[in-house]
Each structure stands twice: as C-alpha cells, then as structure tokens.
C-alpha cells in the first residue's frame, strides 16, 4: 500500500475514534509532526509503527492495511 493511501486510512480511523491528532500522537508516544507526515503520506510507516497504530486504534493490522480488499481485487 502506498504511503498516501495508508495515511488517509490512518487519519480516517483516527477521526472515527474521535482522537485529535495531538491526542493520538500522545497515545502513540510519537511527535505530532511525525503523525502528521504519516497521515499526509510524506513519510512511510515501518511495520512496527503500523502495528502500534493498529493497536492504538483497536483494529487489526490487516484492516488498517486493507488487505482483505486487495485480495478481492486480485
């Protein structure tokens, strides 16, 4: 998944959980600038960061990465 698409998904799920960017960055113990860059897709997230974000959002990593959707399109 490209960084911009993942960033949009992170932002959408964050908003669904009603976290501000600051609240979510604090929850992740991450600088708000880094979270903003991830959400804009200007920085790629490592596997560890993706795991951390999915756990904080209380969703499965595969849901965040939209892997089921990709399988259907293959």
C-alpha atoms as a PDB file:
ATOM      1  CA  UNK A   1       0.000   0.000   0.000  1.00  0.00           C
ATOM      2  CA  UNK A   2       1.364   3.387  -0.908  1.00  0.00           C
ATOM      3  CA  UNK A   3       2.122   5.898   1.840  1.00  0.00           C
ATOM      4  CA  UNK A   4      -0.574   8.395   0.836  1.00  0.00           C
ATOM      5  CA  UNK A   5      -3.327   5.785   0.871  1.00  0.00           C
ATOM      6  CA  UNK A   6      -2.167   4.394   4.216  1.00  0.00           C
ATOM      7  CA  UNK A   7      -2.006   7.930   5.594  1.00  0.00           C
ATOM      8  CA  UNK A   8      -5.602   8.603   4.564  1.00  0.00           C
ATOM      9  CA  UNK A   9      -6.692   5.368   6.247  1.00  0.00           C
ATOM     10  CA  UNK A  10      -4.833   6.223   9.473  1.00  0.00           C
ATOM     11  CA  UNK A  11      -6.454   9.658   9.527  1.00  0.00           C
ATOM     12  CA  UNK A  12      -9.919   8.241   8.815  1.00  0.00           C
ATOM     13  CA  UNK A  13      -9.688   5.644  11.572  1.00  0.00           C
ATOM     14  CA  UNK A  14      -8.261   8.247  13.984  1.00  0.00           C
ATOM     15  CA  UNK A  15     -11.224  10.503  13.303  1.00  0.00           C
ATOM     16  CA  UNK A  16     -13.681   7.611  13.670  1.00  0.00           C
ATOM     17  CA  UNK A  17     -12.213   7.016  17.135  1.00  0.00           C
ATOM     18  CA  UNK A  18     -12.605  10.761  17.816  1.00  0.00           C
ATOM     19  CA  UNK A  19      -8.945  11.403  18.545  1.00  0.00           C
ATOM     20  CA  UNK A  20      -7.419  14.742  17.694  1.00  0.00           C
ATOM     21  CA  UNK A  21      -4.045  14.489  16.035  1.00  0.00           C
ATOM     22  CA  UNK A  22      -2.422  15.670  19.289  1.00  0.00           C
ATOM     23  CA  UNK A  23      -4.309  13.139  21.416  1.00  0.00           C
ATOM     24  CA  UNK A  24      -3.420  10.301  19.067  1.00  0.00           C
ATOM     25  CA  UNK A  25       0.237  11.319  18.817  1.00  0.00           C
ATOM     26  CA  UNK A  26       0.390  11.402  22.630  1.00  0.00           C
ATOM     27  CA  UNK A  27      -1.240   7.964  22.812  1.00  0.00           C
ATOM     28  CA  UNK A  28       1.385   6.636  20.406  1.00  0.00           C
ATOM     29  CA  UNK A  29       4.177   8.495  22.230  1.00  0.00           C
ATOM     30  CA  UNK A  30       5.153   9.977  18.881  1.00  0.00           C
ATOM     31  CA  UNK A  31       5.842  13.566  17.848  1.00  0.00           C
ATOM     32  CA  UNK A  32       2.770  15.194  16.316  1.00  0.00           C
ATOM     33  CA  UNK A  33       4.866  16.195  13.304  1.00  0.00           C
ATOM     34  CA  UNK A  34       5.648  12.548  12.593  1.00  0.00           C
ATOM     35  CA  UNK A  35       1.983  11.562  12.840  1.00  0.00           C
ATOM     36  CA  UNK A  36       1.094  14.424  10.501  1.00  0.00           C
ATOM     37  CA  UNK A  37       3.728  13.279   7.998  1.00  0.00           C
ATOM     38  CA  UNK A  38       2.394   9.712   8.174  1.00  0.00           C
ATOM     39  CA  UNK A  39      -1.174  10.922   7.618  1.00  0.00           C
ATOM     40  CA  UNK A  40      -0.121  13.088   4.663  1.00  0.00           C
ATOM     41  CA  UNK A  41       1.852  10.205   3.201  1.00  0.00           C
ATOM     42  CA  UNK A  42       5.108  12.147   3.115  1.00  0.00           C
ATOM     43  CA  UNK A  43       6.749   9.614   5.439  1.00  0.00           C
ATOM     44  CA  UNK A  44       6.455   5.838   5.194  1.00  0.00           C
ATOM     45  CA  UNK A  45       5.470   3.892   8.286  1.00  0.00           C
ATOM     46  CA  UNK A  46       7.600   0.961   9.396  1.00  0.00           C
ATOM     47  CA  UNK A  47       5.937  -2.352  10.224  1.00  0.00           C
ATOM     48  CA  UNK A  48       6.432  -1.634  13.935  1.00  0.00           C
ATOM     49  CA  UNK A  49       4.714   1.752  13.639  1.00  0.00           C
ATOM     50  CA  UNK A  50       1.834   0.214  11.686  1.00  0.00           C
ATOM     51  CA  UNK A  51       1.435  -2.404  14.429  1.00  0.00           C
ATOM     52  CA  UNK A  52       1.485   0.326  17.081  1.00  0.00           C
ATOM     53  CA  UNK A  53      -1.099   2.440  15.248  1.00  0.00           C
ATOM     54  CA  UNK A  54      -3.423  -0.526  14.673  1.00  0.00           C
ATOM     55  CA  UNK A  55      -3.196  -1.498  18.349  1.00  0.00           C
ATOM     56  CA  UNK A  56      -3.927   2.075  19.474  1.00  0.00           C
ATOM     57  CA  UNK A  57      -6.940   2.179  17.160  1.00  0.00           C
ATOM     58  CA  UNK A  58      -8.050  -1.243  18.417  1.00  0.00           C
ATOM     59  CA  UNK A  59      -8.250  -2.662  14.916  1.00  0.00           C
ATOM     60  CA  UNK A  60      -6.469  -5.488  13.156  1.00  0.00           C
ATOM     61  CA  UNK A  61      -3.370  -4.510  11.208  1.00  0.00           C
ATOM     62  CA  UNK A  62      -4.892  -6.146   8.114  1.00  0.00           C
ATOM     63  CA  UNK A  63      -7.938  -3.900   8.407  1.00  0.00           C
ATOM     64  CA  UNK A  64      -5.729  -0.814   8.550  1.00  0.00           C
ATOM     65  CA  UNK A  65      -3.768  -2.022   5.532  1.00  0.00           C
ATOM     66  CA  UNK A  66      -6.984  -3.006   3.746  1.00  0.00           C
ATOM     67  CA  UNK A  67      -5.531  -6.414   2.870  1.00  0.00           C
ATOM     68  CA  UNK A  68      -8.893  -8.143   2.513  1.00  0.00           C
ATOM     69  CA  UNK A  69      -9.964  -5.547  -0.062  1.00  0.00           C
ATOM     70  CA  UNK A  70      -6.751  -6.076  -2.006  1.00  0.00           C
ATOM     71  CA  UNK A  71      -7.240  -9.850  -2.069  1.00  0.00           C
ATOM     72  CA  UNK A  72     -10.701  -9.435  -3.606  1.00  0.00           C
ATOM     73  CA  UNK A  73      -9.276  -7.214  -6.349  1.00  0.00           C
ATOM     74  CA  UNK A  74      -6.581  -9.737  -7.383  1.00  0.00           C
END
